[in-house]
């Protein structure tokens, strides 16, 4: 299963995208437990 997060540009917006992935991954880990 591929959870794909897309962002245009490689700059300050990467901070937001990385945070979004982190939150999503942590929430799924919690959900599984």
ModelCIF file with pLDDT and N, C-alpha, C, O atoms, coordinates in Angstrom:
data_MODEL
#
_entry.id   MODEL 
#
_entity.id                         1 
_entity.type                       polymer 
_entity.pdbx_number_of_molecules   1 
#
_entity_poly.entity_id                      1 
_entity_poly.type                           'polypeptide(L)' 
_entity_poly.nstd_linkage                   no 
_entity_poly.nstd_monomer                   no 
_entity_poly.pdbx_seq_one_letter_code       
;(UNK)(UNK)(UNK)(UNK)(UNK)(UNK)(UNK)(UNK)(UNK)(UNK)(UNK)(UNK)(UNK)(UNK)(UNK)(UNK)
(UNK)(UNK)(UNK)(UNK)(UNK)(UNK)(UNK)(UNK)(UNK)(UNK)(UNK)(UNK)(UNK)(UNK)(UNK)(UNK)
(UNK)
;
_entity_poly.pdbx_seq_one_letter_code_can   XXXXXXXXXXXXXXXXXXXXXXXXXXXXXXXXX 
_entity_poly.pdbx_strand_id                 A 
#
loop_
_entity_poly_seq.entity_id 
_entity_poly_seq.num 
_entity_poly_seq.mon_id 
_entity_poly_seq.hetero 
1 1  UNK n 
1 2  UNK n 
1 3  UNK n 
1 4  UNK n 
1 5  UNK n 
1 6  UNK n 
1 7  UNK n 
1 8  UNK n 
1 9  UNK n 
1 10 UNK n 
1 11 UNK n 
1 12 UNK n 
1 13 UNK n 
1 14 UNK n 
1 15 UNK n 
1 16 UNK n 
1 17 UNK n 
1 18 UNK n 
1 19 UNK n 
1 20 UNK n 
1 21 UNK n 
1 22 UNK n 
1 23 UNK n 
1 24 UNK n 
1 25 UNK n 
1 26 UNK n 
1 27 UNK n 
1 28 UNK n 
1 29 UNK n 
1 30 UNK n 
1 31 UNK n 
1 32 UNK n 
1 33 UNK n 
#
_struct_asym.id          A 
_struct_asym.entity_id   1 
#
loop_
_ma_qa_metric.id 
_ma_qa_metric.mode 
_ma_qa_metric.name 
_ma_qa_metric.software_group_id 
_ma_qa_metric.type 
1 global pLDDT . pLDDT 
2 local  pLDDT . pLDDT 
#
_ma_qa_metric_global.metric_id      1 
_ma_qa_metric_global.metric_value   88.88 
_ma_qa_metric_global.model_id       1 
_ma_qa_metric_global.ordinal_id     1 
#
loop_
_ma_qa_metric_local.label_asym_id 
_ma_qa_metric_local.label_comp_id 
_ma_qa_metric_local.label_seq_id 
_ma_qa_metric_local.metric_id 
_ma_qa_metric_local.metric_value 
_ma_qa_metric_local.model_id 
_ma_qa_metric_local.ordinal_id 
A UNK 1  2 98.00 1 1  
A UNK 2  2 98.00 1 2  
A UNK 3  2 98.00 1 3  
A UNK 4  2 96.00 1 4  
A UNK 5  2 94.00 1 5  
A UNK 6  2 91.00 1 6  
A UNK 7  2 84.00 1 7  
A UNK 8  2 77.00 1 8  
A UNK 9  2 68.00 1 9  
A UNK 10 2 65.00 1 10 
A UNK 11 2 65.00 1 11 
A UNK 12 2 65.00 1 12 
A UNK 13 2 77.00 1 13 
A UNK 14 2 80.00 1 14 
A UNK 15 2 85.00 1 15 
A UNK 16 2 88.00 1 16 
A UNK 17 2 89.00 1 17 
A UNK 18 2 91.00 1 18 
A UNK 19 2 93.00 1 19 
A UNK 20 2 95.00 1 20 
A UNK 21 2 96.00 1 21 
A UNK 22 2 97.00 1 22 
A UNK 23 2 97.00 1 23 
A UNK 24 2 97.00 1 24 
A UNK 25 2 97.00 1 25 
A UNK 26 2 97.00 1 26 
A UNK 27 2 97.00 1 27 
A UNK 28 2 96.00 1 28 
A UNK 29 2 95.00 1 29 
A UNK 30 2 94.00 1 30 
A UNK 31 2 94.00 1 31 
A UNK 32 2 90.00 1 32 
A UNK 33 2 89.00 1 33 
#
loop_
_atom_site.group_PDB 
_atom_site.id 
_atom_site.type_symbol 
_atom_site.label_atom_id 
_atom_site.label_alt_id 
_atom_site.label_comp_id 
_atom_site.label_asym_id 
_atom_site.label_entity_id 
_atom_site.label_seq_id 
_atom_site.pdbx_PDB_ins_code 
_atom_site.Cartn_x 
_atom_site.Cartn_y 
_atom_site.Cartn_z 
_atom_site.occupancy 
_atom_site.B_iso_or_equiv 
_atom_site.pdbx_formal_charge 
_atom_site.auth_seq_id 
_atom_site.auth_comp_id 
_atom_site.auth_asym_id 
_atom_site.auth_atom_id 
_atom_site.pdbx_PDB_model_num 
ATOM 1   N N  . UNK A 1 1  ? 0.866  -1.170 0.000  1.00 98.00 ? 1  UNK A N  1 
ATOM 2   C CA . UNK A 1 1  ? 0.000  0.000  0.000  1.00 98.00 ? 1  UNK A CA 1 
ATOM 3   C C  . UNK A 1 1  ? 0.905  1.223  0.000  1.00 98.00 ? 1  UNK A C  1 
ATOM 4   O O  . UNK A 1 1  ? 1.769  1.361  0.866  1.00 98.00 ? 1  UNK A O  1 
ATOM 5   N N  . UNK A 1 2  ? 0.707  2.111  -0.971 1.00 98.00 ? 2  UNK A N  1 
ATOM 6   C CA . UNK A 1 2  ? 1.525  3.309  -1.115 1.00 98.00 ? 2  UNK A CA 1 
ATOM 7   C C  . UNK A 1 2  ? 0.688  4.533  -0.754 1.00 98.00 ? 2  UNK A C  1 
ATOM 8   O O  . UNK A 1 2  ? -0.322 4.823  -1.396 1.00 98.00 ? 2  UNK A O  1 
ATOM 9   N N  . UNK A 1 3  ? 1.120  5.237  0.273  1.00 98.00 ? 3  UNK A N  1 
ATOM 10  C CA . UNK A 1 3  ? 0.465  6.472  0.703  1.00 98.00 ? 3  UNK A CA 1 
ATOM 11  C C  . UNK A 1 3  ? 1.311  7.612  0.148  1.00 98.00 ? 3  UNK A C  1 
ATOM 12  O O  . UNK A 1 3  ? 2.378  7.923  0.676  1.00 98.00 ? 3  UNK A O  1 
ATOM 13  N N  . UNK A 1 4  ? 0.825  8.223  -0.914 1.00 96.00 ? 4  UNK A N  1 
ATOM 14  C CA . UNK A 1 4  ? 1.620  9.172  -1.683 1.00 96.00 ? 4  UNK A CA 1 
ATOM 15  C C  . UNK A 1 4  ? 1.235  10.602 -1.310 1.00 96.00 ? 4  UNK A C  1 
ATOM 16  O O  . UNK A 1 4  ? 0.066  10.987 -1.340 1.00 96.00 ? 4  UNK A O  1 
ATOM 17  N N  . UNK A 1 5  ? 2.257  11.366 -0.961 1.00 94.00 ? 5  UNK A N  1 
ATOM 18  C CA . UNK A 1 5  ? 2.109  12.785 -0.624 1.00 94.00 ? 5  UNK A CA 1 
ATOM 19  C C  . UNK A 1 5  ? 2.883  13.574 -1.674 1.00 94.00 ? 5  UNK A C  1 
ATOM 20  O O  . UNK A 1 5  ? 4.059  13.302 -1.912 1.00 94.00 ? 5  UNK A O  1 
ATOM 21  N N  . UNK A 1 6  ? 2.227  14.549 -2.302 1.00 91.00 ? 6  UNK A N  1 
ATOM 22  C CA . UNK A 1 6  ? 2.824  15.269 -3.421 1.00 91.00 ? 6  UNK A CA 1 
ATOM 23  C C  . UNK A 1 6  ? 2.955  16.745 -3.073 1.00 91.00 ? 6  UNK A C  1 
ATOM 24  O O  . UNK A 1 6  ? 2.061  17.335 -2.467 1.00 91.00 ? 6  UNK A O  1 
ATOM 25  N N  . UNK A 1 7  ? 4.086  17.335 -3.467 1.00 84.00 ? 7  UNK A N  1 
ATOM 26  C CA . UNK A 1 7  ? 4.287  18.769 -3.283 1.00 84.00 ? 7  UNK A CA 1 
ATOM 27  C C  . UNK A 1 7  ? 5.051  19.307 -4.477 1.00 84.00 ? 7  UNK A C  1 
ATOM 28  O O  . UNK A 1 7  ? 5.945  18.652 -5.013 1.00 84.00 ? 7  UNK A O  1 
ATOM 29  N N  . UNK A 1 8  ? 4.687  20.496 -4.877 1.00 77.00 ? 8  UNK A N  1 
ATOM 30  C CA . UNK A 1 8  ? 5.369  21.183 -5.971 1.00 77.00 ? 8  UNK A CA 1 
ATOM 31  C C  . UNK A 1 8  ? 6.443  22.087 -5.372 1.00 77.00 ? 8  UNK A C  1 
ATOM 32  O O  . UNK A 1 8  ? 6.155  22.908 -4.500 1.00 77.00 ? 8  UNK A O  1 
ATOM 33  N N  . UNK A 1 9  ? 7.664  21.936 -5.835 1.00 68.00 ? 9  UNK A N  1 
ATOM 34  C CA . UNK A 1 9  ? 8.765  22.780 -5.377 1.00 68.00 ? 9  UNK A CA 1 
ATOM 35  C C  . UNK A 1 9  ? 9.571  22.119 -4.274 1.00 68.00 ? 9  UNK A C  1 
ATOM 36  O O  . UNK A 1 9  ? 9.066  21.305 -3.501 1.00 68.00 ? 9  UNK A O  1 
ATOM 37  N N  . UNK A 1 10 ? 10.834 22.495 -4.226 1.00 65.00 ? 10 UNK A N  1 
ATOM 38  C CA . UNK A 1 10 ? 11.742 21.969 -3.204 1.00 65.00 ? 10 UNK A CA 1 
ATOM 39  C C  . UNK A 1 10 ? 12.273 23.160 -2.420 1.00 65.00 ? 10 UNK A C  1 
ATOM 40  O O  . UNK A 1 10 ? 13.384 23.636 -2.650 1.00 65.00 ? 10 UNK A O  1 
ATOM 41  N N  . UNK A 1 11 ? 11.453 23.623 -1.494 1.00 65.00 ? 11 UNK A N  1 
ATOM 42  C CA . UNK A 1 11 ? 11.821 24.788 -0.692 1.00 65.00 ? 11 UNK A CA 1 
ATOM 43  C C  . UNK A 1 11 ? 11.146 24.706 0.659  1.00 65.00 ? 11 UNK A C  1 
ATOM 44  O O  . UNK A 1 11 ? 11.045 23.627 1.244  1.00 65.00 ? 11 UNK A O  1 
ATOM 45  N N  . UNK A 1 12 ? 10.683 25.845 1.158  1.00 65.00 ? 12 UNK A N  1 
ATOM 46  C CA . UNK A 1 12 ? 10.054 25.909 2.481  1.00 65.00 ? 12 UNK A CA 1 
ATOM 47  C C  . UNK A 1 12 ? 8.832  25.005 2.599  1.00 65.00 ? 12 UNK A C  1 
ATOM 48  O O  . UNK A 1 12 ? 8.515  24.535 3.691  1.00 65.00 ? 12 UNK A O  1 
ATOM 49  N N  . UNK A 1 13 ? 8.140  24.756 1.481  1.00 77.00 ? 13 UNK A N  1 
ATOM 50  C CA . UNK A 1 13 ? 6.944  23.902 1.528  1.00 77.00 ? 13 UNK A CA 1 
ATOM 51  C C  . UNK A 1 13 ? 7.274  22.460 1.905  1.00 77.00 ? 13 UNK A C  1 
ATOM 52  O O  . UNK A 1 13 ? 6.391  21.712 2.322  1.00 77.00 ? 13 UNK A O  1 
ATOM 53  N N  . UNK A 1 14 ? 8.535  22.068 1.763  1.00 80.00 ? 14 UNK A N  1 
ATOM 54  C CA . UNK A 1 14 ? 8.943  20.713 2.147  1.00 80.00 ? 14 UNK A CA 1 
ATOM 55  C C  . UNK A 1 14 ? 8.757  20.491 3.641  1.00 80.00 ? 14 UNK A C  1 
ATOM 56  O O  . UNK A 1 14 ? 8.463  19.378 4.078  1.00 80.00 ? 14 UNK A O  1 
ATOM 57  N N  . UNK A 1 15 ? 8.926  21.543 4.417  1.00 85.00 ? 15 UNK A N  1 
ATOM 58  C CA . UNK A 1 15 ? 8.722  21.425 5.867  1.00 85.00 ? 15 UNK A CA 1 
ATOM 59  C C  . UNK A 1 15 ? 7.279  21.006 6.146  1.00 85.00 ? 15 UNK A C  1 
ATOM 60  O O  . UNK A 1 15 ? 7.027  20.139 6.983  1.00 85.00 ? 15 UNK A O  1 
ATOM 61  N N  . UNK A 1 16 ? 6.331  21.633 5.434  1.00 88.00 ? 16 UNK A N  1 
ATOM 62  C CA . UNK A 1 16 ? 4.917  21.287 5.598  1.00 88.00 ? 16 UNK A CA 1 
ATOM 63  C C  . UNK A 1 16 ? 4.641  19.858 5.155  1.00 88.00 ? 16 UNK A C  1 
ATOM 64  O O  . UNK A 1 16 ? 3.936  19.120 5.842  1.00 88.00 ? 16 UNK A O  1 
ATOM 65  N N  . UNK A 1 17 ? 5.185  19.470 4.026  1.00 89.00 ? 17 UNK A N  1 
ATOM 66  C CA . UNK A 1 17 ? 4.964  18.122 3.508  1.00 89.00 ? 17 UNK A CA 1 
ATOM 67  C C  . UNK A 1 17 ? 5.551  17.073 4.446  1.00 89.00 ? 17 UNK A C  1 
ATOM 68  O O  . UNK A 1 17 ? 4.919  16.051 4.713  1.00 89.00 ? 17 UNK A O  1 
ATOM 69  N N  . UNK A 1 18 ? 6.747  17.322 4.939  1.00 91.00 ? 18 UNK A N  1 
ATOM 70  C CA . UNK A 1 18 ? 7.367  16.370 5.863  1.00 91.00 ? 18 UNK A CA 1 
ATOM 71  C C  . UNK A 1 18 ? 6.546  16.246 7.143  1.00 91.00 ? 18 UNK A C  1 
ATOM 72  O O  . UNK A 1 18 ? 6.386  15.148 7.676  1.00 91.00 ? 18 UNK A O  1 
ATOM 73  N N  . UNK A 1 19 ? 6.028  17.366 7.635  1.00 93.00 ? 19 UNK A N  1 
ATOM 74  C CA . UNK A 1 19 ? 5.172  17.332 8.834  1.00 93.00 ? 19 UNK A CA 1 
ATOM 75  C C  . UNK A 1 19 ? 3.899  16.542 8.547  1.00 93.00 ? 19 UNK A C  1 
ATOM 76  O O  . UNK A 1 19 ? 3.448  15.763 9.387  1.00 93.00 ? 19 UNK A O  1 
ATOM 77  N N  . UNK A 1 20 ? 3.323  16.739 7.374  1.00 95.00 ? 20 UNK A N  1 
ATOM 78  C CA . UNK A 1 20 ? 2.095  16.028 6.993  1.00 95.00 ? 20 UNK A CA 1 
ATOM 79  C C  . UNK A 1 20 ? 2.339  14.519 6.971  1.00 95.00 ? 20 UNK A C  1 
ATOM 80  O O  . UNK A 1 20 ? 1.513  13.758 7.473  1.00 95.00 ? 20 UNK A O  1 
ATOM 81  N N  . UNK A 1 21 ? 3.442  14.082 6.408  1.00 96.00 ? 21 UNK A N  1 
ATOM 82  C CA . UNK A 1 21 ? 3.763  12.656 6.347  1.00 96.00 ? 21 UNK A CA 1 
ATOM 83  C C  . UNK A 1 21 ? 3.997  12.111 7.755  1.00 96.00 ? 21 UNK A C  1 
ATOM 84  O O  . UNK A 1 21 ? 3.521  11.026 8.091  1.00 96.00 ? 21 UNK A O  1 
ATOM 85  N N  . UNK A 1 22 ? 4.719  12.853 8.565  1.00 97.00 ? 22 UNK A N  1 
ATOM 86  C CA . UNK A 1 22 ? 4.986  12.429 9.936  1.00 97.00 ? 22 UNK A CA 1 
ATOM 87  C C  . UNK A 1 22 ? 3.692  12.257 10.726 1.00 97.00 ? 22 UNK A C  1 
ATOM 88  O O  . UNK A 1 22 ? 3.514  11.252 11.414 1.00 97.00 ? 22 UNK A O  1 
ATOM 89  N N  . UNK A 1 23 ? 2.807  13.212 10.633 1.00 97.00 ? 23 UNK A N  1 
ATOM 90  C CA . UNK A 1 23 ? 1.529  13.142 11.345 1.00 97.00 ? 23 UNK A CA 1 
ATOM 91  C C  . UNK A 1 23 ? 0.710  11.953 10.859 1.00 97.00 ? 23 UNK A C  1 
ATOM 92  O O  . UNK A 1 23 ? 0.141  11.215 11.664 1.00 97.00 ? 23 UNK A O  1 
ATOM 93  N N  . UNK A 1 24 ? 0.651  11.771 9.562  1.00 97.00 ? 24 UNK A N  1 
ATOM 94  C CA . UNK A 1 24 ? -0.101 10.656 8.974  1.00 97.00 ? 24 UNK A CA 1 
ATOM 95  C C  . UNK A 1 24 ? 0.466  9.313  9.429  1.00 97.00 ? 24 UNK A C  1 
ATOM 96  O O  . UNK A 1 24 ? -0.283 8.426  9.838  1.00 97.00 ? 24 UNK A O  1 
ATOM 97  N N  . UNK A 1 25 ? 1.776  9.166  9.359  1.00 97.00 ? 25 UNK A N  1 
ATOM 98  C CA . UNK A 1 25 ? 2.409  7.901  9.739  1.00 97.00 ? 25 UNK A CA 1 
ATOM 99  C C  . UNK A 1 25 ? 2.199  7.612  11.221 1.00 97.00 ? 25 UNK A C  1 
ATOM 100 O O  . UNK A 1 25 ? 1.875  6.485  11.594 1.00 97.00 ? 25 UNK A O  1 
ATOM 101 N N  . UNK A 1 26 ? 2.379  8.613  12.056 1.00 97.00 ? 26 UNK A N  1 
ATOM 102 C CA . UNK A 1 26 ? 2.189  8.417  13.492 1.00 97.00 ? 26 UNK A CA 1 
ATOM 103 C C  . UNK A 1 26 ? 0.734  8.077  13.818 1.00 97.00 ? 26 UNK A C  1 
ATOM 104 O O  . UNK A 1 26 ? 0.466  7.264  14.703 1.00 97.00 ? 26 UNK A O  1 
ATOM 105 N N  . UNK A 1 27 ? -0.194 8.696  13.108 1.00 97.00 ? 27 UNK A N  1 
ATOM 106 C CA . UNK A 1 27 ? -1.614 8.408  13.364 1.00 97.00 ? 27 UNK A CA 1 
ATOM 107 C C  . UNK A 1 27 ? -1.959 6.978  12.963 1.00 97.00 ? 27 UNK A C  1 
ATOM 108 O O  . UNK A 1 27 ? -2.738 6.310  13.643 1.00 97.00 ? 27 UNK A O  1 
ATOM 109 N N  . UNK A 1 28 ? -1.379 6.509  11.859 1.00 96.00 ? 28 UNK A N  1 
ATOM 110 C CA . UNK A 1 28 ? -1.629 5.120  11.449 1.00 96.00 ? 28 UNK A CA 1 
ATOM 111 C C  . UNK A 1 28 ? -1.002 4.127  12.430 1.00 96.00 ? 28 UNK A C  1 
ATOM 112 O O  . UNK A 1 28 ? -1.579 3.072  12.694 1.00 96.00 ? 28 UNK A O  1 
ATOM 113 N N  . UNK A 1 29 ? 0.160  4.454  12.966 1.00 95.00 ? 29 UNK A N  1 
ATOM 114 C CA . UNK A 1 29 ? 0.788  3.589  13.972 1.00 95.00 ? 29 UNK A CA 1 
ATOM 115 C C  . UNK A 1 29 ? -0.116 3.514  15.202 1.00 95.00 ? 29 UNK A C  1 
ATOM 116 O O  . UNK A 1 29 ? -0.337 2.429  15.739 1.00 95.00 ? 29 UNK A O  1 
ATOM 117 N N  . UNK A 1 30 ? -0.636 4.645  15.648 1.00 94.00 ? 30 UNK A N  1 
ATOM 118 C CA . UNK A 1 30 ? -1.569 4.666  16.782 1.00 94.00 ? 30 UNK A CA 1 
ATOM 119 C C  . UNK A 1 30 ? -2.826 3.864  16.462 1.00 94.00 ? 30 UNK A C  1 
ATOM 120 O O  . UNK A 1 30 ? -3.328 3.116  17.300 1.00 94.00 ? 30 UNK A O  1 
ATOM 121 N N  . UNK A 1 31 ? -3.322 4.029  15.252 1.00 94.00 ? 31 UNK A N  1 
ATOM 122 C CA . UNK A 1 31 ? -4.552 3.361  14.826 1.00 94.00 ? 31 UNK A CA 1 
ATOM 123 C C  . UNK A 1 31 ? -4.400 1.845  14.855 1.00 94.00 ? 31 UNK A C  1 
ATOM 124 O O  . UNK A 1 31 ? -5.333 1.126  15.215 1.00 94.00 ? 31 UNK A O  1 
ATOM 125 N N  . UNK A 1 32 ? -3.244 1.374  14.482 1.00 90.00 ? 32 UNK A N  1 
ATOM 126 C CA . UNK A 1 32 ? -2.982 -0.070 14.460 1.00 90.00 ? 32 UNK A CA 1 
ATOM 127 C C  . UNK A 1 32 ? -2.952 -0.639 15.881 1.00 90.00 ? 32 UNK A C  1 
ATOM 128 O O  . UNK A 1 32 ? -3.371 -1.773 16.114 1.00 90.00 ? 32 UNK A O  1 
ATOM 129 N N  . UNK A 1 33 ? -2.451 0.162  16.828 1.00 89.00 ? 33 UNK A N  1 
ATOM 130 C CA . UNK A 1 33 ? -2.323 -0.305 18.215 1.00 89.00 ? 33 UNK A CA 1 
ATOM 131 C C  . UNK A 1 33 ? -3.609 -0.139 19.013 1.00 89.00 ? 33 UNK A C  1 
ATOM 132 O O  . UNK A 1 33 ? -3.653 -0.488 20.193 1.00 89.00 ? 33 UNK A O  1 
#
